C-alpha cells in the first residue's frame, strides 16, 4: 500500500507530469513571469467554467477576500457577518481592514452559516455577509441572497473549499459556487480541489463596474500605469502558477468525481455506526468534499476520544486533522471585538467533535479500507 497522505499532491502531479513540466518550461522560455498569456487564459477558463462575466486572478485566497472588501467600499466600523466555524483567513481580513466581524452560528449538519442566525445579527451597521462553503458543502444561498436583498447587503462568497460545487435554487436554476453572490473569492493553495504549486487565488463577479475596481485594487489602485486613482495593493497570480492551473482546471470535474467516490466509500463503511455522523449532503448542493469530516458523539468525554482517535491514526501512519479546534470568536486576536461575549453552542459542539480523514483524488480502495477499518477498530474498542 502506498503511504497515506492527507492530500497526495505527488501522485496527482505524476499523473499530469508531462503536461505540467512542458507548461512550466514554456513559461521559462517566454520569460513572461508576471501577467503572461497563461494568466489571461486561466481567467477566461474560470469565467467559462463558473459561468461568470469576470475573473480577476490574484496572489492568494486571503488577498481575494481583502481585495473584494476594499473594492466594495467597506469602511472602518462597518459590520460583516461571518461564521466563527471557519479557517481564520475569512475573519482575519475583516479585522485587518478595521471592519467589525459579527460571528454567527452554523448549521450543525452542513457546517455552513445559518441563514436565520444571519437575519438575527443584522443591525444598521451591517454591510456584508460572508457565507463560507465549508469542507465543500454549499451554503443555503437562496435564503442568504433573499436576506441580502431585503437589507441591501453585499454577499462575499468564500469559495476557497468548494470550487466546482453546484447549488440548485428552488426554481431549478443551477449555479456554481462563487458565481452567486456580489463577489466570489477562492484560493488555489496546493491542497485545494483546484490547487497550484504555490500560492494563488481569484475573485469572481458579474458586475462590470465592480470588476474594474477589483482589478484596480489588486494592481496598486491603477487603471493606467503610474496613475493611481485609489489605495490598492499588489496581488498577482504569477504565470507559472496559472500555467499549472490551466492544466488542472480541465480535470477539475474528474477530480471532484474521484473525491465523491472516496466519500461514498467512507459513507458506506461508517453507515449506521452509533458514534459517527458522516457528512450531510443536501439535495440542492453538490458536495465536492474538500474535506471528509466526521462528527463523533455518544461518548462521555467525546473531545478526549476524538483526540485519542487522532493520535491512534497517527500511530498507524494515517493522517487526520481537526478543522477547526478553536473557533474564530475564541481566538485571542478577536478579544478586542468582544469574542468572549459570544454564545455559539453549535459551533462549540462541532469543535469538540469533528475530525477529518484523508481526502484527495488518488485514494484507492486498499487505502480507504485501511483507514475505515482503523477508525472502526478504535471506536469499537471504546464502546466495549
Protein backbone atom coordinates (compact mmCIF):
# COMPACT_ATOMS: atom_id res chain seq x y z
CA UNK A 1 0.00 0.00 0.00
CA UNK A 2 1.27 3.48 -0.84
CA UNK A 3 1.98 5.71 2.17
CA UNK A 4 -1.09 7.69 3.13
CA UNK A 5 -1.22 11.46 2.77
CA UNK A 6 -3.91 13.89 3.88
CA UNK A 7 -3.64 15.22 0.32
CA UNK A 8 -1.44 13.27 -2.08
CA UNK A 9 -0.05 16.02 -4.28
CA UNK A 10 2.84 13.91 -5.53
CA UNK A 11 0.64 11.21 -7.07
CA UNK A 12 -1.65 13.81 -8.61
CA UNK A 13 1.38 15.55 -10.14
CA UNK A 14 2.77 12.31 -11.57
CA UNK A 15 -0.50 11.73 -13.45
CA UNK A 16 -0.07 15.05 -15.31
CA UNK A 17 3.70 15.39 -15.10
CA UNK A 18 4.43 15.66 -18.80
CA UNK A 19 1.85 18.40 -19.33
CA UNK A 20 2.89 20.35 -16.24
CA UNK A 21 6.60 20.13 -16.98
CA UNK A 22 6.05 21.30 -20.56
CA UNK A 23 3.83 24.18 -19.45
CA UNK A 24 6.37 25.39 -16.88
CA UNK A 25 9.20 25.15 -19.40
CA UNK A 26 7.14 27.21 -21.85
CA UNK A 27 6.81 29.94 -19.23
CA UNK A 28 10.54 29.84 -18.54
CA UNK A 29 11.20 30.05 -22.25
CA UNK A 30 8.86 33.01 -22.70
CA UNK A 31 10.25 34.72 -19.56
CA UNK A 32 6.84 36.37 -19.10
CA UNK A 33 6.77 35.53 -15.41
CA UNK A 34 4.19 38.15 -14.43
CA UNK A 35 0.88 38.53 -16.27
CA UNK A 36 1.91 36.19 -19.04
CA UNK A 37 -0.52 34.66 -21.51
CA UNK A 38 -1.46 31.70 -19.23
CA UNK A 39 -2.86 34.17 -16.69
CA UNK A 40 -5.34 35.56 -19.22
CA UNK A 41 -6.15 32.03 -20.39
CA UNK A 42 -6.88 30.98 -16.81
CA UNK A 43 -9.15 33.98 -16.21
CA UNK A 44 -11.11 33.14 -19.34
CA UNK A 45 -11.27 29.44 -18.49
CA UNK A 46 -12.50 30.06 -14.95
CA UNK A 47 -15.14 32.52 -16.17
CA UNK A 48 -16.45 29.94 -18.61
CA UNK A 49 -16.38 27.12 -16.07
CA UNK A 50 -18.14 29.09 -13.34
CA UNK A 51 -20.48 31.00 -15.64
CA UNK A 52 -19.32 34.44 -14.51
CA UNK A 53 -18.50 37.52 -16.57
CA UNK A 54 -15.27 38.44 -14.79
CA UNK A 55 -12.40 36.58 -13.14
CA UNK A 56 -9.55 38.51 -11.52
CA UNK A 57 -6.61 36.27 -10.57
CA UNK A 58 -4.62 37.32 -7.50
CA UNK A 59 -1.86 36.13 -5.20
CA UNK A 60 -3.86 34.03 -2.72
CA UNK A 61 -7.30 33.45 -1.24
CA UNK A 62 -6.76 35.80 1.69
CA UNK A 63 -5.90 38.61 -0.71
CA UNK A 64 -9.01 37.77 -2.71
CA UNK A 65 -11.18 38.44 0.34
CA UNK A 66 -9.29 41.63 1.18
CA UNK A 67 -9.50 42.99 -2.35
CA UNK A 68 -13.21 42.23 -2.50
CA UNK A 69 -13.92 44.15 0.70
CA UNK A 70 -11.76 47.08 -0.39
CA UNK A 71 -13.42 47.26 -3.79
CA UNK A 72 -16.88 47.16 -2.23
CA UNK A 73 -16.00 50.32 -0.32
CA UNK A 74 -16.47 48.90 3.17
CA UNK A 75 -15.31 51.39 5.80
CA UNK A 76 -13.90 51.03 9.34
CA UNK A 77 -16.67 50.18 11.77
CA UNK A 78 -18.91 48.53 9.18
CA UNK A 79 -20.18 45.17 10.36
CA UNK A 80 -19.58 41.98 8.40
CA UNK A 81 -21.50 38.83 9.36
CA UNK A 82 -19.36 35.71 9.24
CA UNK A 83 -19.34 32.21 10.71
CA UNK A 84 -16.93 31.61 13.56
CA UNK A 85 -16.50 27.97 12.46
CA UNK A 86 -14.13 28.59 9.55
CA UNK A 87 -10.45 28.97 8.70
CA UNK A 88 -9.10 32.15 10.27
CA UNK A 89 -8.44 33.96 6.96
CA UNK A 90 -12.17 34.57 6.47
CA UNK A 91 -12.44 36.59 9.65
CA UNK A 92 -8.87 37.88 9.89
CA UNK A 93 -9.28 40.04 6.80
CA UNK A 94 -12.38 41.67 8.27
CA UNK A 95 -10.36 42.81 11.29
CA UNK A 96 -7.36 43.76 9.17
CA UNK A 97 -9.48 46.32 7.32
CA UNK A 98 -10.77 47.66 10.66
CA UNK A 99 -14.25 46.33 9.96
CA UNK A 100 -16.18 44.58 12.71
CA UNK A 101 -16.63 40.82 12.43
CA UNK A 102 -20.02 39.67 13.72
CA UNK A 103 -19.83 35.95 14.44
CA UNK A 104 -22.88 33.75 13.94
CA UNK A 105 -23.80 30.10 14.15
CA UNK A 106 -23.55 27.39 11.52
CA UNK A 107 -25.96 24.62 10.66
CA UNK A 108 -24.87 21.51 12.64
CA UNK A 109 -25.44 19.23 9.64
CA UNK A 110 -23.90 21.23 6.77
CA UNK A 111 -21.26 23.15 8.81
CA UNK A 112 -22.30 26.23 6.81
CA UNK A 113 -23.58 29.59 8.06
CA UNK A 114 -27.16 29.55 9.42
CA UNK A 115 -29.40 31.99 7.47
CA UNK A 116 -31.65 32.55 10.48
CA UNK A 117 -28.58 33.46 12.55
CA UNK A 118 -27.65 35.97 9.85
CA UNK A 119 -31.07 37.58 10.00
CA UNK A 120 -30.91 37.88 13.77
CA UNK A 121 -27.46 39.53 13.67
CA UNK A 122 -28.30 42.35 11.24
CA UNK A 123 -28.02 45.91 12.59
CA UNK A 124 -27.99 49.33 10.90
CA UNK A 125 -24.19 48.96 10.66
CA UNK A 126 -24.29 45.64 8.80
CA UNK A 127 -22.89 45.95 5.28
CA UNK A 128 -21.93 42.44 4.15
CA UNK A 129 -22.34 38.70 4.69
CA UNK A 130 -19.57 36.15 4.14
CA UNK A 131 -21.01 32.68 3.54
CA UNK A 132 -18.26 30.04 3.69
CA UNK A 133 -18.90 26.88 1.67
CA UNK A 134 -17.09 24.85 4.31
CA UNK A 135 -15.47 21.50 3.52
CA UNK A 136 -17.06 21.61 0.04
CA UNK A 137 -20.75 21.79 1.02
CA UNK A 138 -22.75 24.73 -0.34
CA UNK A 139 -24.43 27.27 1.94
CA UNK A 140 -28.18 27.89 1.65
CA UNK A 141 -27.63 30.59 -0.94
CA UNK A 142 -31.31 31.20 -1.78
CA UNK A 143 -32.04 32.18 1.82
CA UNK A 144 -28.83 34.20 2.10
CA UNK A 145 -29.41 36.12 -1.14
CA UNK A 146 -33.00 36.86 -0.10
CA UNK A 147 -31.81 38.28 3.23
CA UNK A 148 -29.13 40.32 1.47
CA UNK A 149 -31.65 41.78 -0.99
CA UNK A 150 -34.07 42.61 1.80
CA UNK A 151 -31.41 44.53 3.76
CA UNK A 152 -29.29 45.83 0.85
CA UNK A 153 -26.19 43.87 1.88
CA UNK A 154 -23.21 42.64 -0.11
CA UNK A 155 -22.62 38.87 -0.27
CA UNK A 156 -18.95 37.84 -0.42
CA UNK A 157 -18.73 34.11 -1.08
CA UNK A 158 -15.72 32.40 0.49
CA UNK A 159 -15.37 29.63 -2.07
CA UNK A 160 -11.86 28.51 -1.07
CA UNK A 161 -13.06 24.99 -0.22
CA UNK A 162 -15.82 24.44 -2.76
CA UNK A 163 -14.79 25.45 -6.26
CA UNK A 164 -16.74 23.31 -8.71
CA UNK A 165 -19.69 22.79 -6.38
CA UNK A 166 -23.21 23.33 -7.75
CA UNK A 167 -26.16 24.92 -5.97
CA UNK A 168 -29.70 24.35 -7.23
CA UNK A 169 -32.28 27.04 -6.49
CA UNK A 170 -35.93 26.11 -5.77
CA UNK A 171 -36.90 27.03 -9.34
CA UNK A 172 -34.38 24.53 -10.72
CA UNK A 173 -31.75 27.09 -11.69
CA UNK A 174 -28.26 25.73 -11.08
CA UNK A 175 -25.20 27.87 -10.38
CA UNK A 176 -21.61 27.25 -9.39
CA UNK A 177 -20.44 28.46 -6.02
CA UNK A 178 -18.51 31.70 -6.33
CA UNK A 179 -20.87 32.95 -9.02
CA UNK A 180 -23.94 33.58 -6.85
CA UNK A 181 -23.07 36.46 -4.51
CA UNK A 182 -21.99 40.02 -5.19
CA UNK A 183 -18.45 38.70 -5.44
CA UNK A 184 -16.82 35.29 -5.03
CA UNK A 185 -13.33 34.54 -3.71
CA UNK A 186 -11.24 31.41 -3.93
CA UNK A 187 -7.83 30.02 -3.07
CA UNK A 188 -5.53 27.88 -5.18
CA UNK A 189 -3.42 26.72 -2.24
CA UNK A 190 -1.89 23.36 -3.26
CA UNK A 191 -4.24 21.26 -1.12
CA UNK A 192 -7.41 22.80 -2.57
CA UNK A 193 -9.60 20.90 -5.02
CA UNK A 194 -8.09 23.13 -7.72
CA UNK A 195 -4.62 23.82 -6.38
CA UNK A 196 -1.47 25.28 -7.88
CA UNK A 197 2.14 24.62 -6.85
CA UNK A 198 2.48 27.65 -4.61
CA UNK A 199 0.07 30.36 -3.54
CA UNK A 200 -2.73 31.66 -5.74
CA UNK A 201 -6.27 32.97 -5.69
CA UNK A 202 -9.01 34.56 -7.75
CA UNK A 203 -12.05 36.83 -7.47
CA UNK A 204 -15.28 36.47 -9.46
CA UNK A 205 -18.15 38.83 -10.24
CA UNK A 206 -20.85 39.55 -12.79
CA UNK A 207 -20.79 43.30 -12.02
CA UNK A 208 -18.84 45.21 -14.68
CA UNK A 209 -18.12 48.27 -12.54
CA UNK A 210 -17.08 46.16 -9.57
CA UNK A 211 -14.78 44.07 -11.79
CA UNK A 212 -12.99 47.22 -12.93
CA UNK A 213 -12.49 48.29 -9.34
CA UNK A 214 -11.32 44.84 -8.25
CA UNK A 215 -8.66 44.91 -10.97
CA UNK A 216 -7.53 48.35 -9.85
CA UNK A 217 -7.34 47.43 -6.15
CA UNK A 218 -5.27 44.34 -6.98
CA UNK A 219 -2.89 46.48 -9.06
CA UNK A 220 -1.89 49.37 -6.81
CA UNK A 221 -5.15 51.23 -7.43
CA UNK A 222 -4.27 51.98 -11.03
CA UNK A 223 -6.13 51.58 -14.30
CA UNK A 224 -3.47 53.37 -16.34
CA UNK A 225 0.11 52.65 -15.36
CA UNK A 226 1.54 55.13 -12.85
CA UNK A 227 -1.83 56.90 -12.40
CA UNK A 228 -3.17 55.67 -9.07
CA UNK A 229 -6.82 56.55 -8.51
CA UNK A 230 -7.36 54.75 -5.21
CA UNK A 231 -5.46 52.95 -2.47
CA UNK A 232 -4.85 49.40 -3.56
CA UNK A 233 -2.38 46.58 -3.04
CA UNK A 234 -0.10 44.37 -5.08
CA UNK A 235 -1.64 40.94 -5.59
CA UNK A 236 -0.84 38.97 -8.71
CA UNK A 237 -1.03 35.34 -9.73
CA UNK A 238 2.30 34.53 -11.36
CA UNK A 239 2.42 32.95 -14.78
CA UNK A 240 3.88 29.61 -13.71
CA UNK A 241 1.02 29.02 -11.27
CA UNK A 242 -1.52 29.98 -13.95
CA UNK A 243 0.10 27.51 -16.36
CA UNK A 244 -0.31 24.70 -13.82
CA UNK A 245 -3.91 25.69 -13.07
CA UNK A 246 -4.84 25.72 -16.75
CA UNK A 247 -3.96 22.03 -16.92
CA UNK A 248 -5.74 21.14 -13.68
CA UNK A 249 -8.88 23.16 -14.46
CA UNK A 250 -9.57 20.82 -17.38
CA UNK A 251 -9.55 17.93 -14.88
CA UNK A 252 -11.48 19.62 -12.07
CA UNK A 253 -14.72 17.70 -12.65
CA UNK A 254 -12.71 14.47 -12.82
CA UNK A 255 -11.01 15.39 -9.54
CA UNK A 256 -14.37 16.12 -7.92
CA UNK A 257 -15.74 12.78 -9.10
CA UNK A 258 -12.75 10.99 -7.53
CA UNK A 259 -13.32 12.78 -4.23
CA UNK A 260 -17.02 11.94 -4.26
CA UNK A 261 -16.19 8.28 -4.98
CA UNK A 262 -13.88 8.20 -1.95
CA UNK A 263 -16.61 9.89 0.12
CA UNK A 264 -19.09 7.22 -0.99
CA UNK A 265 -16.71 4.53 0.27
CA UNK A 266 -16.35 6.28 3.62
CA UNK A 267 -20.13 6.73 3.88
CA UNK A 268 -20.79 3.04 3.27
CA UNK A 269 -18.12 1.90 5.71
CA UNK A 270 -19.41 4.08 8.53
CA UNK A 271 -23.13 3.75 7.78
CA UNK A 272 -25.25 3.14 10.84
CA UNK A 273 -22.41 3.40 13.35
CA UNK A 274 -23.85 4.74 16.59
CA UNK A 275 -20.93 7.10 17.28
CA UNK A 276 -20.31 8.50 13.79
CA UNK A 277 -22.18 11.06 11.74
CA UNK A 278 -20.92 11.16 8.15
CA UNK A 279 -21.03 14.37 6.08
CA UNK A 280 -24.51 15.56 5.22
CA UNK A 281 -25.33 16.05 1.54
CA UNK A 282 -28.22 18.41 0.88
CA UNK A 283 -30.25 17.63 -2.24
CA UNK A 284 -29.68 21.13 -3.63
CA UNK A 285 -25.90 21.02 -3.04
CA UNK A 286 -23.32 19.05 -4.99
CA UNK A 287 -20.77 18.42 -2.26
CA UNK A 288 -17.21 18.46 -3.64
CA UNK A 289 -15.51 17.12 -0.49
CA UNK A 290 -12.55 19.37 0.04
CA UNK A 291 -12.58 17.63 3.41
CA UNK A 292 -14.30 14.47 4.60
CA UNK A 293 -15.27 15.38 8.15
CA UNK A 294 -16.87 13.10 10.72
CA UNK A 295 -18.78 14.13 13.82
CA UNK A 296 -18.17 11.83 16.76
CA UNK A 297 -20.76 11.62 19.52
CA UNK A 298 -22.17 9.32 22.20
CA UNK A 299 -19.10 9.29 24.43
CA UNK A 300 -18.97 10.84 27.88
CA UNK A 301 -15.68 12.62 27.07
CA UNK A 302 -16.14 12.97 23.33
CA UNK A 303 -13.34 15.51 22.77
CA UNK A 304 -10.90 13.25 24.58
CA UNK A 305 -11.99 10.30 22.45
CA UNK A 306 -11.70 12.39 19.28
CA UNK A 307 -8.18 13.45 20.21
CA UNK A 308 -7.24 9.87 21.08
CA UNK A 309 -8.52 8.73 17.68
CA UNK A 310 -6.38 11.42 16.04
CA UNK A 311 -3.32 10.09 17.89
CA UNK A 312 -4.22 6.44 17.22
CA UNK A 313 -4.46 7.08 13.48
CA UNK A 314 -1.13 8.91 13.55
CA UNK A 315 0.49 5.84 15.15
CA UNK A 316 -0.80 3.80 12.20
CA UNK A 317 0.59 6.42 9.81
CA UNK A 318 -2.90 7.56 8.84
CA UNK A 319 -3.04 11.36 8.73
CA UNK A 320 -6.10 13.08 10.13
CA UNK A 321 -6.84 16.68 11.01
CA UNK A 322 -9.12 18.67 13.29
CA UNK A 323 -10.64 21.52 11.28
CA UNK A 324 -11.02 23.60 13.46
CA UNK A 325 -10.19 23.06 17.16
CA UNK A 326 -10.68 26.71 18.22
CA UNK A 327 -13.42 28.81 16.60
CA UNK A 328 -12.64 32.35 15.48
CA UNK A 329 -14.59 34.09 18.23
CA UNK A 330 -12.44 32.36 20.86
CA UNK A 331 -9.14 33.32 19.26
CA UNK A 332 -7.05 35.89 21.13
CA UNK A 333 -6.86 38.08 18.03
CA UNK A 334 -10.60 38.85 18.35
CA UNK A 335 -10.64 39.66 22.05
CA UNK A 336 -10.94 43.37 21.23
CA UNK A 337 -14.04 42.60 19.16
CA UNK A 338 -15.87 41.04 22.10
CA UNK A 339 -15.18 37.48 21.06
CA UNK A 340 -15.56 36.18 24.59
CA UNK A 341 -19.10 37.61 24.76
CA UNK A 342 -20.44 35.32 22.03
CA UNK A 343 -22.59 32.32 22.85
CA UNK A 344 -22.34 29.90 19.92
CA UNK A 345 -23.21 26.44 21.27
CA UNK A 346 -23.45 24.72 17.87
CA UNK A 347 -20.02 26.00 16.90
CA UNK A 348 -18.57 24.87 20.23
CA UNK A 349 -20.29 21.48 19.88
CA UNK A 350 -18.70 20.93 16.48
CA UNK A 351 -15.20 21.98 17.52
CA UNK A 352 -15.36 19.34 20.25
CA UNK A 353 -16.38 16.52 17.87
CA UNK A 354 -15.09 16.95 14.31
CA UNK A 355 -12.22 15.03 12.73
CA UNK A 356 -11.27 14.94 9.04
CA UNK A 357 -9.88 11.90 7.25
CA UNK A 358 -7.61 11.78 4.18
CA UNK A 359 -9.42 13.13 1.12
CA UNK A 360 -7.87 13.56 -2.30
CA UNK A 361 -8.04 12.40 -5.88
CA UNK A 362 -5.61 9.49 -5.63
CA UNK A 363 -7.14 7.44 -2.81
CA UNK A 364 -7.53 3.78 -3.74
CA UNK A 365 -9.70 1.06 -2.22
CA UNK A 366 -6.84 -0.55 -0.32
CA UNK A 367 -6.05 2.75 1.38
CA UNK A 368 -9.69 3.52 2.10
CA UNK A 369 -10.24 0.10 3.65
CA UNK A 370 -7.21 0.52 5.89
CA UNK A 371 -8.41 3.95 7.03
CA UNK A 372 -12.00 2.92 7.72
CA UNK A 373 -11.04 -0.37 9.38
CA UNK A 374 -8.69 1.55 11.67
CA UNK A 375 -11.31 4.13 12.65
CA UNK A 376 -13.89 1.45 13.36
CA UNK A 377 -11.41 -0.69 15.27
CA UNK A 378 -10.59 2.20 17.60
CA UNK A 379 -14.19 3.30 18.19
CA UNK A 380 -15.46 -0.22 18.74
CA UNK A 381 -12.78 -0.74 21.36
CA UNK A 382 -14.02 2.42 23.08
CA UNK A 383 -17.61 1.15 23.07
CA UNK A 384 -16.53 -2.05 24.86
